[in-house]
Amino acid sequence: MNGKISKNKKQPKSNRSAQILFAVFAVILIVSMVLSAVTNF
């Protein structure tokens, strides 16, 4: 746990890029779910 905290403190830029990447992935996942729901109906 301590190693993880120090790693995040050392690289704030990579943490931010990872957050953006996760947000983009979440949006794509939601869009795909909506499209699959629309095709089912």
N, C-alpha and C. Protein backbone atom coordinates (compact mmCIF):
# COMPACT_ATOMS: atom_id res chain seq x y z
N MET A 1 0.82 -1.19 0.00
CA MET A 1 0.00 0.00 0.00
C MET A 1 0.87 1.26 0.00
N ASN A 2 1.91 1.26 0.84
CA ASN A 2 2.80 2.43 0.91
C ASN A 2 3.50 2.65 -0.43
N GLY A 3 3.91 1.56 -1.07
CA GLY A 3 4.59 1.68 -2.35
C GLY A 3 3.67 2.30 -3.39
N LYS A 4 2.39 1.93 -3.34
CA LYS A 4 1.42 2.46 -4.30
C LYS A 4 1.25 3.97 -4.10
N ILE A 5 1.16 4.40 -2.85
CA ILE A 5 0.96 5.83 -2.55
C ILE A 5 2.18 6.63 -3.04
N SER A 6 3.38 6.13 -2.76
CA SER A 6 4.59 6.86 -3.17
C SER A 6 4.67 6.91 -4.71
N LYS A 7 4.22 5.84 -5.38
CA LYS A 7 4.25 5.81 -6.84
C LYS A 7 3.30 6.87 -7.40
N ASN A 8 2.11 7.00 -6.80
CA ASN A 8 1.15 7.99 -7.26
C ASN A 8 1.67 9.40 -7.02
N LYS A 9 2.35 9.61 -5.89
CA LYS A 9 2.91 10.92 -5.58
C LYS A 9 4.02 11.27 -6.58
N LYS A 10 4.79 10.26 -6.97
CA LYS A 10 5.93 10.49 -7.87
C LYS A 10 5.45 10.80 -9.29
N GLN A 11 4.34 10.18 -9.73
CA GLN A 11 3.88 10.36 -11.11
C GLN A 11 2.43 10.85 -11.14
N PRO A 12 2.18 12.14 -10.91
CA PRO A 12 0.81 12.65 -10.97
C PRO A 12 0.28 12.74 -12.40
N LYS A 13 1.17 12.93 -13.37
CA LYS A 13 0.76 13.04 -14.78
C LYS A 13 0.21 11.70 -15.27
N SER A 14 0.90 10.60 -14.97
CA SER A 14 0.45 9.29 -15.42
C SER A 14 -0.89 8.95 -14.76
N ASN A 15 -1.07 9.39 -13.51
CA ASN A 15 -2.34 9.12 -12.81
C ASN A 15 -3.48 9.84 -13.53
N ARG A 16 -3.22 11.07 -13.95
CA ARG A 16 -4.25 11.85 -14.64
C ARG A 16 -4.58 11.23 -16.00
N SER A 17 -3.55 10.80 -16.72
CA SER A 17 -3.78 10.18 -18.03
C SER A 17 -4.55 8.88 -17.86
N ALA A 18 -4.26 8.15 -16.80
CA ALA A 18 -4.97 6.89 -16.52
C ALA A 18 -6.44 7.18 -16.23
N GLN A 19 -6.71 8.27 -15.51
CA GLN A 19 -8.09 8.67 -15.21
C GLN A 19 -8.84 8.99 -16.50
N ILE A 20 -8.19 9.74 -17.40
CA ILE A 20 -8.81 10.10 -18.68
C ILE A 20 -9.08 8.84 -19.50
N LEU A 21 -8.10 7.93 -19.51
CA LEU A 21 -8.24 6.69 -20.26
C LEU A 21 -9.41 5.87 -19.72
N PHE A 22 -9.53 5.81 -18.38
CA PHE A 22 -10.62 5.08 -17.75
C PHE A 22 -11.97 5.72 -18.10
N ALA A 23 -12.02 7.06 -18.12
CA ALA A 23 -13.26 7.77 -18.45
C ALA A 23 -13.67 7.46 -19.89
N VAL A 24 -12.70 7.48 -20.81
CA VAL A 24 -12.98 7.17 -22.22
C VAL A 24 -13.49 5.74 -22.35
N PHE A 25 -12.84 4.81 -21.64
CA PHE A 25 -13.24 3.40 -21.68
C PHE A 25 -14.67 3.24 -21.15
N ALA A 26 -14.99 3.97 -20.07
CA ALA A 26 -16.33 3.90 -19.47
C ALA A 26 -17.38 4.41 -20.47
N VAL A 27 -17.07 5.51 -21.16
CA VAL A 27 -18.00 6.08 -22.14
C VAL A 27 -18.23 5.09 -23.28
N ILE A 28 -17.16 4.48 -23.77
CA ILE A 28 -17.28 3.50 -24.86
C ILE A 28 -18.12 2.31 -24.41
N LEU A 29 -17.90 1.87 -23.16
CA LEU A 29 -18.65 0.73 -22.61
C LEU A 29 -20.14 1.08 -22.54
N ILE A 30 -20.46 2.27 -22.05
CA ILE A 30 -21.86 2.71 -21.95
C ILE A 30 -22.50 2.79 -23.33
N VAL A 31 -21.78 3.37 -24.29
CA VAL A 31 -22.31 3.50 -25.66
C VAL A 31 -22.58 2.12 -26.25
N SER A 32 -21.67 1.19 -26.05
CA SER A 32 -21.84 -0.17 -26.59
C SER A 32 -23.05 -0.85 -25.95
N MET A 33 -23.23 -0.64 -24.63
CA MET A 33 -24.38 -1.22 -23.93
C MET A 33 -25.68 -0.64 -24.48
N VAL A 34 -25.72 0.67 -24.70
CA VAL A 34 -26.93 1.33 -25.24
C VAL A 34 -27.22 0.80 -26.64
N LEU A 35 -26.18 0.67 -27.45
CA LEU A 35 -26.37 0.17 -28.83
C LEU A 35 -26.90 -1.26 -28.81
N SER A 36 -26.36 -2.10 -27.93
CA SER A 36 -26.83 -3.49 -27.84
C SER A 36 -28.28 -3.53 -27.37
N ALA A 37 -28.66 -2.63 -26.44
CA ALA A 37 -30.04 -2.57 -25.96
C ALA A 37 -30.96 -2.14 -27.09
N VAL A 38 -30.52 -1.17 -27.91
CA VAL A 38 -31.34 -0.68 -29.02
C VAL A 38 -31.53 -1.78 -30.06
N THR A 39 -30.47 -2.54 -30.34
CA THR A 39 -30.56 -3.60 -31.36
C THR A 39 -31.46 -4.73 -30.84
N ASN A 40 -31.48 -4.97 -29.54
CA ASN A 40 -32.36 -6.02 -28.98
C ASN A 40 -33.82 -5.62 -29.13
N PHE A 41 -34.13 -4.36 -28.95
CA PHE A 41 -35.51 -3.89 -29.09
C PHE A 41 -35.76 -3.52 -30.55
